[in-house]
């Protein structure tokens, strides 16, 4: 994927560069009643095309929300560098064990004490469709 149509390649590169330096995102989903819900998520990989990967539990509210409404927003902020990034995109629930193995780090044991073979682990794959960056 190239830069989303509302972004120049330079803007897209700036967004990716800044997201790559900010580990925690605020993920916003929409519940079945239309209410917005936001929670922190650790970004585990940012692909060159702007796709972001997150670990979560299959039985979480966010997974239920995404299955009903895949549009999400992500906010990133680094107070030390005074950089903020906002993106939106389409989320997918991924159950590919090979991808889990590829992205797994032992820092995830705090959230998944059974390890990477925990049957409740799923990945959130967020494909970026738009974004803004303030530096």
N, C-alpha and C. Protein backbone atom coordinates (compact mmCIF):
# COMPACT_ATOMS: atom_id res chain seq x y z
N UNK A 1 0.83 -1.17 0.00
CA UNK A 1 0.00 0.00 0.00
C UNK A 1 0.88 1.23 0.00
N UNK A 2 0.54 2.20 -0.79
CA UNK A 2 1.23 3.48 -0.74
C UNK A 2 0.52 4.35 0.28
N UNK A 3 0.92 5.62 0.36
CA UNK A 3 0.30 6.53 1.31
C UNK A 3 -1.20 6.62 1.06
N UNK A 4 -2.00 6.71 2.14
CA UNK A 4 -3.44 6.93 1.94
C UNK A 4 -3.66 8.18 1.09
N UNK A 5 -4.76 8.22 0.35
CA UNK A 5 -4.99 9.27 -0.64
C UNK A 5 -5.03 10.67 -0.04
N UNK A 6 -5.33 10.80 1.24
CA UNK A 6 -5.38 12.13 1.83
C UNK A 6 -4.02 12.61 2.33
N UNK A 7 -2.97 11.80 2.13
CA UNK A 7 -1.63 12.14 2.61
C UNK A 7 -0.62 12.12 1.48
N UNK A 8 0.29 13.08 1.52
CA UNK A 8 1.41 13.02 0.58
C UNK A 8 2.38 11.94 1.08
N UNK A 9 3.24 11.43 0.20
CA UNK A 9 4.23 10.45 0.66
C UNK A 9 5.10 11.00 1.80
N UNK A 10 5.39 12.29 1.79
CA UNK A 10 6.21 12.90 2.85
C UNK A 10 5.45 12.90 4.18
N UNK A 11 4.15 13.24 4.14
CA UNK A 11 3.33 13.23 5.36
C UNK A 11 3.24 11.81 5.91
N UNK A 12 3.03 10.84 5.02
CA UNK A 12 2.93 9.44 5.42
C UNK A 12 4.23 8.98 6.07
N UNK A 13 5.37 9.34 5.48
CA UNK A 13 6.67 8.97 6.05
C UNK A 13 6.87 9.61 7.43
N UNK A 14 6.43 10.85 7.60
CA UNK A 14 6.54 11.53 8.89
C UNK A 14 5.70 10.82 9.94
N UNK A 15 4.49 10.43 9.57
CA UNK A 15 3.62 9.71 10.50
C UNK A 15 4.27 8.39 10.91
N UNK A 16 4.75 7.62 9.95
CA UNK A 16 5.38 6.32 10.25
C UNK A 16 6.61 6.51 11.14
N UNK A 17 7.45 7.49 10.81
CA UNK A 17 8.67 7.73 11.57
C UNK A 17 8.34 8.07 13.02
N UNK A 18 7.34 8.91 13.22
CA UNK A 18 6.99 9.31 14.58
C UNK A 18 6.29 8.20 15.35
N UNK A 19 5.41 7.44 14.70
CA UNK A 19 4.76 6.31 15.37
C UNK A 19 5.80 5.29 15.81
N UNK A 20 6.79 5.07 14.97
CA UNK A 20 7.82 4.09 15.28
C UNK A 20 8.57 4.43 16.57
N UNK A 21 8.56 5.71 16.96
CA UNK A 21 9.27 6.14 18.17
C UNK A 21 8.36 6.22 19.39
N UNK A 22 7.06 5.94 19.21
CA UNK A 22 6.10 6.00 20.32
C UNK A 22 5.49 4.62 20.47
N UNK A 23 5.79 3.94 21.53
CA UNK A 23 5.39 2.54 21.70
C UNK A 23 3.91 2.36 22.02
N UNK A 24 3.33 3.24 22.81
CA UNK A 24 1.95 3.05 23.26
C UNK A 24 1.00 3.95 22.48
N UNK A 25 -0.05 3.34 21.99
CA UNK A 25 -1.11 4.05 21.28
C UNK A 25 -2.38 4.02 22.11
N UNK A 26 -3.24 4.97 21.88
CA UNK A 26 -4.59 4.95 22.45
C UNK A 26 -5.51 4.50 21.32
N UNK A 27 -6.08 3.30 21.46
CA UNK A 27 -6.95 2.71 20.45
C UNK A 27 -8.40 3.02 20.78
N UNK A 28 -9.12 3.58 19.81
CA UNK A 28 -10.54 3.87 19.99
C UNK A 28 -11.36 2.98 19.08
N UNK A 29 -12.34 2.30 19.70
CA UNK A 29 -13.29 1.46 18.97
C UNK A 29 -14.69 1.98 19.28
N UNK A 30 -15.66 1.41 18.58
CA UNK A 30 -17.05 1.79 18.80
C UNK A 30 -17.84 0.56 19.23
N UNK A 31 -18.57 0.68 20.35
CA UNK A 31 -19.36 -0.47 20.81
C UNK A 31 -20.68 -0.55 20.03
N UNK A 32 -21.45 -1.59 20.29
CA UNK A 32 -22.67 -1.82 19.50
C UNK A 32 -23.71 -0.72 19.68
N UNK A 33 -23.61 0.04 20.77
CA UNK A 33 -24.52 1.16 20.99
C UNK A 33 -24.03 2.47 20.40
N UNK A 34 -22.86 2.43 19.75
CA UNK A 34 -22.31 3.62 19.12
C UNK A 34 -21.39 4.43 20.01
N UNK A 35 -21.20 4.00 21.27
CA UNK A 35 -20.32 4.70 22.18
C UNK A 35 -18.86 4.42 21.84
N UNK A 36 -18.02 5.45 21.92
CA UNK A 36 -16.59 5.29 21.67
C UNK A 36 -15.90 4.82 22.94
N UNK A 37 -14.97 3.89 22.79
CA UNK A 37 -14.18 3.35 23.90
C UNK A 37 -12.71 3.44 23.53
N UNK A 38 -11.91 3.98 24.43
CA UNK A 38 -10.48 4.16 24.18
C UNK A 38 -9.68 3.49 25.27
N UNK A 39 -8.59 2.82 24.85
CA UNK A 39 -7.70 2.17 25.79
C UNK A 39 -6.28 2.13 25.24
N UNK A 40 -5.27 2.05 26.15
CA UNK A 40 -3.88 1.99 25.69
C UNK A 40 -3.55 0.62 25.12
N UNK A 41 -2.72 0.63 24.08
CA UNK A 41 -2.26 -0.60 23.44
C UNK A 41 -0.79 -0.41 23.06
N UNK A 42 0.01 -1.43 23.27
CA UNK A 42 1.41 -1.40 22.85
C UNK A 42 1.51 -1.83 21.39
N UNK A 43 2.15 -1.00 20.58
CA UNK A 43 2.36 -1.33 19.16
C UNK A 43 3.53 -2.30 19.07
N UNK A 44 3.30 -3.47 18.47
CA UNK A 44 4.36 -4.47 18.39
C UNK A 44 5.08 -4.47 17.07
N UNK A 45 4.47 -3.97 16.05
CA UNK A 45 5.17 -3.85 14.77
C UNK A 45 4.46 -2.80 13.94
N UNK A 46 5.26 -2.03 13.23
CA UNK A 46 4.77 -1.06 12.26
C UNK A 46 5.40 -1.43 10.93
N UNK A 47 4.58 -1.87 9.98
CA UNK A 47 5.08 -2.26 8.67
C UNK A 47 5.35 -1.03 7.81
N UNK A 48 6.12 -1.21 6.77
CA UNK A 48 6.47 -0.10 5.87
C UNK A 48 5.25 0.54 5.23
N UNK A 49 4.17 -0.24 5.07
CA UNK A 49 2.96 0.30 4.44
C UNK A 49 2.03 0.98 5.44
N UNK A 50 2.46 1.09 6.72
CA UNK A 50 1.64 1.73 7.73
C UNK A 50 0.75 0.79 8.51
N UNK A 51 0.80 -0.50 8.20
CA UNK A 51 0.02 -1.49 8.95
C UNK A 51 0.62 -1.63 10.35
N UNK A 52 -0.25 -1.61 11.36
CA UNK A 52 0.20 -1.76 12.74
C UNK A 52 -0.35 -3.04 13.33
N UNK A 53 0.44 -3.65 14.23
CA UNK A 53 0.09 -4.94 14.83
C UNK A 53 0.08 -4.80 16.35
N UNK A 54 -0.98 -5.36 16.97
CA UNK A 54 -1.15 -5.33 18.41
C UNK A 54 -1.59 -6.71 18.89
N UNK A 55 -1.16 -7.09 20.10
CA UNK A 55 -1.62 -8.32 20.74
C UNK A 55 -2.80 -7.99 21.64
N UNK A 56 -3.76 -8.90 21.71
CA UNK A 56 -4.87 -8.74 22.64
C UNK A 56 -5.50 -10.09 22.92
N UNK A 57 -6.49 -10.08 23.81
CA UNK A 57 -7.23 -11.29 24.15
C UNK A 57 -8.47 -11.40 23.28
N UNK A 58 -8.73 -12.58 22.78
CA UNK A 58 -9.87 -12.82 21.90
C UNK A 58 -11.20 -12.50 22.57
N UNK A 59 -11.27 -12.65 23.89
CA UNK A 59 -12.53 -12.41 24.61
C UNK A 59 -12.65 -10.97 25.12
N UNK A 60 -11.82 -10.05 24.63
CA UNK A 60 -11.87 -8.66 25.09
C UNK A 60 -12.99 -7.88 24.41
N UNK A 61 -13.41 -6.80 25.06
CA UNK A 61 -14.43 -5.93 24.48
C UNK A 61 -13.98 -5.34 23.15
N UNK A 62 -12.70 -4.98 23.04
CA UNK A 62 -12.23 -4.36 21.80
C UNK A 62 -12.37 -5.30 20.61
N UNK A 63 -12.14 -6.58 20.82
CA UNK A 63 -12.30 -7.56 19.74
C UNK A 63 -13.77 -7.65 19.34
N UNK A 64 -14.66 -7.67 20.32
CA UNK A 64 -16.09 -7.68 20.04
C UNK A 64 -16.49 -6.43 19.25
N UNK A 65 -15.99 -5.28 19.66
CA UNK A 65 -16.30 -4.03 18.95
C UNK A 65 -15.82 -4.09 17.51
N UNK A 66 -14.59 -4.54 17.30
CA UNK A 66 -14.00 -4.56 15.96
C UNK A 66 -14.74 -5.54 15.05
N UNK A 67 -15.20 -6.64 15.60
CA UNK A 67 -15.97 -7.58 14.78
C UNK A 67 -17.27 -6.95 14.30
N UNK A 68 -17.83 -6.03 15.08
CA UNK A 68 -19.07 -5.35 14.69
C UNK A 68 -18.81 -4.13 13.84
N UNK A 69 -17.73 -3.40 14.15
CA UNK A 69 -17.40 -2.14 13.47
C UNK A 69 -15.88 -2.05 13.36
N UNK A 70 -15.30 -2.39 12.21
CA UNK A 70 -13.84 -2.46 12.09
C UNK A 70 -13.11 -1.11 11.99
N UNK A 71 -13.85 -0.02 11.86
CA UNK A 71 -13.19 1.28 11.82
C UNK A 71 -12.66 1.67 13.20
N UNK A 72 -11.38 2.04 13.27
CA UNK A 72 -10.75 2.40 14.55
C UNK A 72 -9.94 3.69 14.37
N UNK A 73 -9.61 4.28 15.50
CA UNK A 73 -8.70 5.43 15.53
C UNK A 73 -7.58 5.11 16.51
N UNK A 74 -6.40 5.62 16.20
CA UNK A 74 -5.24 5.45 17.07
C UNK A 74 -4.61 6.81 17.31
N UNK A 75 -4.30 7.09 18.57
CA UNK A 75 -3.62 8.33 18.93
C UNK A 75 -2.29 8.02 19.57
N UNK A 76 -1.28 8.78 19.21
CA UNK A 76 0.08 8.61 19.73
C UNK A 76 0.58 9.98 20.20
N UNK A 77 1.29 10.01 21.32
CA UNK A 77 1.83 11.27 21.81
C UNK A 77 3.15 11.03 22.51
N UNK A 78 4.11 11.88 22.22
CA UNK A 78 5.41 11.83 22.89
C UNK A 78 5.66 13.19 23.52
N UNK A 79 5.41 13.33 24.84
CA UNK A 79 5.57 14.63 25.48
C UNK A 79 7.01 15.13 25.49
N UNK A 80 7.98 14.23 25.41
CA UNK A 80 9.38 14.65 25.41
C UNK A 80 9.76 15.38 24.12
N UNK A 81 9.20 14.92 22.99
CA UNK A 81 9.54 15.54 21.70
C UNK A 81 8.43 16.45 21.19
N UNK A 82 7.33 16.52 21.95
CA UNK A 82 6.17 17.36 21.56
C UNK A 82 5.60 16.93 20.21
N UNK A 83 5.54 15.63 19.99
CA UNK A 83 4.99 15.07 18.76
C UNK A 83 3.70 14.33 19.09
N UNK A 84 2.68 14.56 18.28
CA UNK A 84 1.42 13.82 18.39
C UNK A 84 1.03 13.33 17.01
N UNK A 85 0.46 12.14 16.96
CA UNK A 85 0.02 11.54 15.71
C UNK A 85 -1.38 10.97 15.93
N UNK A 86 -2.25 11.18 14.97
CA UNK A 86 -3.58 10.57 14.98
C UNK A 86 -3.77 9.85 13.66
N UNK A 87 -4.22 8.61 13.73
CA UNK A 87 -4.50 7.85 12.52
C UNK A 87 -5.87 7.20 12.65
N UNK A 88 -6.41 6.84 11.51
CA UNK A 88 -7.61 6.00 11.51
C UNK A 88 -7.38 4.90 10.50
N UNK A 89 -8.14 3.84 10.66
CA UNK A 89 -7.94 2.71 9.76
C UNK A 89 -8.98 1.64 9.98
N UNK A 90 -8.73 0.53 9.33
CA UNK A 90 -9.60 -0.64 9.42
C UNK A 90 -8.86 -1.73 10.18
N UNK A 91 -9.50 -2.28 11.20
CA UNK A 91 -8.90 -3.32 12.03
C UNK A 91 -9.42 -4.69 11.63
N UNK A 92 -8.55 -5.67 11.75
CA UNK A 92 -8.92 -7.07 11.51
C UNK A 92 -8.42 -7.89 12.69
N UNK A 93 -9.14 -8.93 13.02
CA UNK A 93 -8.72 -9.89 14.05
C UNK A 93 -7.98 -11.01 13.32
N UNK A 94 -6.72 -11.23 13.70
CA UNK A 94 -5.87 -12.23 13.05
C UNK A 94 -5.55 -13.33 14.05
N UNK A 95 -5.77 -14.59 13.64
CA UNK A 95 -5.51 -15.73 14.52
C UNK A 95 -4.38 -16.61 13.98
N UNK A 96 -3.48 -16.06 13.22
CA UNK A 96 -2.37 -16.78 12.59
C UNK A 96 -1.25 -17.03 13.61
N UNK A 97 -1.07 -18.28 14.03
CA UNK A 97 -0.05 -18.60 15.03
C UNK A 97 1.36 -18.29 14.53
N UNK A 98 1.62 -18.44 13.24
CA UNK A 98 2.95 -18.09 12.72
C UNK A 98 3.24 -16.60 12.91
N UNK A 99 2.24 -15.75 12.70
CA UNK A 99 2.43 -14.31 12.89
C UNK A 99 2.59 -13.99 14.38
N UNK A 100 1.84 -14.69 15.24
CA UNK A 100 2.02 -14.53 16.69
C UNK A 100 3.45 -14.88 17.06
N UNK A 101 3.96 -16.00 16.57
CA UNK A 101 5.33 -16.42 16.87
C UNK A 101 6.33 -15.39 16.37
N UNK A 102 6.09 -14.83 15.20
CA UNK A 102 7.00 -13.85 14.61
C UNK A 102 7.07 -12.57 15.46
N UNK A 103 5.93 -12.12 15.97
CA UNK A 103 5.87 -10.86 16.72
C UNK A 103 6.10 -11.00 18.22
N UNK A 104 6.06 -12.21 18.74
CA UNK A 104 6.13 -12.44 20.18
C UNK A 104 7.44 -11.93 20.78
N UNK A 105 7.32 -11.29 21.94
CA UNK A 105 8.47 -10.96 22.79
C UNK A 105 8.10 -11.34 24.21
N UNK A 106 9.09 -11.67 25.02
CA UNK A 106 8.80 -12.09 26.39
C UNK A 106 8.20 -10.99 27.24
N UNK A 107 8.28 -9.74 26.81
CA UNK A 107 7.63 -8.65 27.55
C UNK A 107 6.11 -8.83 27.58
N UNK A 108 5.58 -9.64 26.68
CA UNK A 108 4.14 -9.90 26.63
C UNK A 108 3.66 -10.86 27.72
N UNK A 109 4.60 -11.50 28.43
CA UNK A 109 4.23 -12.46 29.47
C UNK A 109 3.41 -11.82 30.59
N UNK A 110 3.57 -10.51 30.81
CA UNK A 110 2.76 -9.82 31.83
C UNK A 110 1.27 -9.91 31.48
N UNK A 111 0.92 -9.87 30.21
CA UNK A 111 -0.46 -9.91 29.76
C UNK A 111 -0.90 -11.31 29.35
N UNK A 112 0.07 -12.13 28.94
CA UNK A 112 -0.23 -13.49 28.47
C UNK A 112 0.70 -14.47 29.20
N UNK A 113 0.42 -14.75 30.49
CA UNK A 113 1.34 -15.59 31.27
C UNK A 113 1.48 -17.01 30.75
N UNK A 114 0.55 -17.46 29.92
CA UNK A 114 0.67 -18.80 29.33
C UNK A 114 1.63 -18.82 28.15
N UNK A 115 2.12 -17.65 27.74
CA UNK A 115 3.06 -17.58 26.64
C UNK A 115 2.38 -17.46 25.29
N UNK A 116 3.18 -17.56 24.26
CA UNK A 116 2.69 -17.32 22.91
C UNK A 116 1.71 -18.38 22.41
N UNK A 117 1.62 -19.50 23.11
CA UNK A 117 0.67 -20.54 22.72
C UNK A 117 -0.67 -20.42 23.44
N UNK A 118 -0.86 -19.32 24.18
CA UNK A 118 -2.14 -19.07 24.85
C UNK A 118 -3.25 -19.08 23.80
N UNK A 119 -4.26 -19.93 23.95
CA UNK A 119 -5.30 -20.02 22.92
C UNK A 119 -6.18 -18.76 22.82
N UNK A 120 -6.07 -17.86 23.80
CA UNK A 120 -6.88 -16.64 23.79
C UNK A 120 -6.17 -15.47 23.10
N UNK A 121 -4.94 -15.65 22.64
CA UNK A 121 -4.21 -14.58 21.95
C UNK A 121 -4.73 -14.41 20.53
N UNK A 122 -4.98 -13.16 20.18
CA UNK A 122 -5.23 -12.79 18.79
C UNK A 122 -4.43 -11.53 18.52
N UNK A 123 -4.24 -11.26 17.24
CA UNK A 123 -3.57 -10.04 16.82
C UNK A 123 -4.60 -9.08 16.23
N UNK A 124 -4.40 -7.81 16.51
CA UNK A 124 -5.15 -6.77 15.81
C UNK A 124 -4.24 -6.24 14.73
N UNK A 125 -4.70 -6.30 13.52
CA UNK A 125 -3.99 -5.75 12.37
C UNK A 125 -4.77 -4.51 11.95
N UNK A 126 -4.12 -3.35 12.04
CA UNK A 126 -4.78 -2.10 11.67
C UNK A 126 -4.14 -1.56 10.41
N UNK A 127 -4.93 -1.45 9.36
CA UNK A 127 -4.48 -0.89 8.09
C UNK A 127 -4.82 0.59 8.09
N UNK A 128 -3.80 1.42 8.01
CA UNK A 128 -3.96 2.87 8.08
C UNK A 128 -4.67 3.38 6.82
N UNK A 129 -5.70 4.20 7.04
CA UNK A 129 -6.41 4.81 5.91
C UNK A 129 -6.25 6.32 5.89
N UNK A 130 -5.93 6.93 7.04
CA UNK A 130 -5.69 8.37 7.08
C UNK A 130 -4.89 8.71 8.33
N UNK A 131 -4.37 9.92 8.37
CA UNK A 131 -3.62 10.31 9.54
C UNK A 131 -3.16 11.76 9.49
N UNK A 132 -2.75 12.23 10.66
CA UNK A 132 -2.20 13.57 10.80
C UNK A 132 -1.05 13.50 11.81
N UNK A 133 -0.10 14.41 11.66
CA UNK A 133 1.05 14.47 12.55
C UNK A 133 1.31 15.92 12.93
N UNK A 134 1.53 16.14 14.22
CA UNK A 134 1.89 17.48 14.70
C UNK A 134 3.26 17.37 15.35
N UNK A 135 4.21 18.13 14.81
CA UNK A 135 5.58 18.11 15.35
C UNK A 135 5.93 19.48 15.88
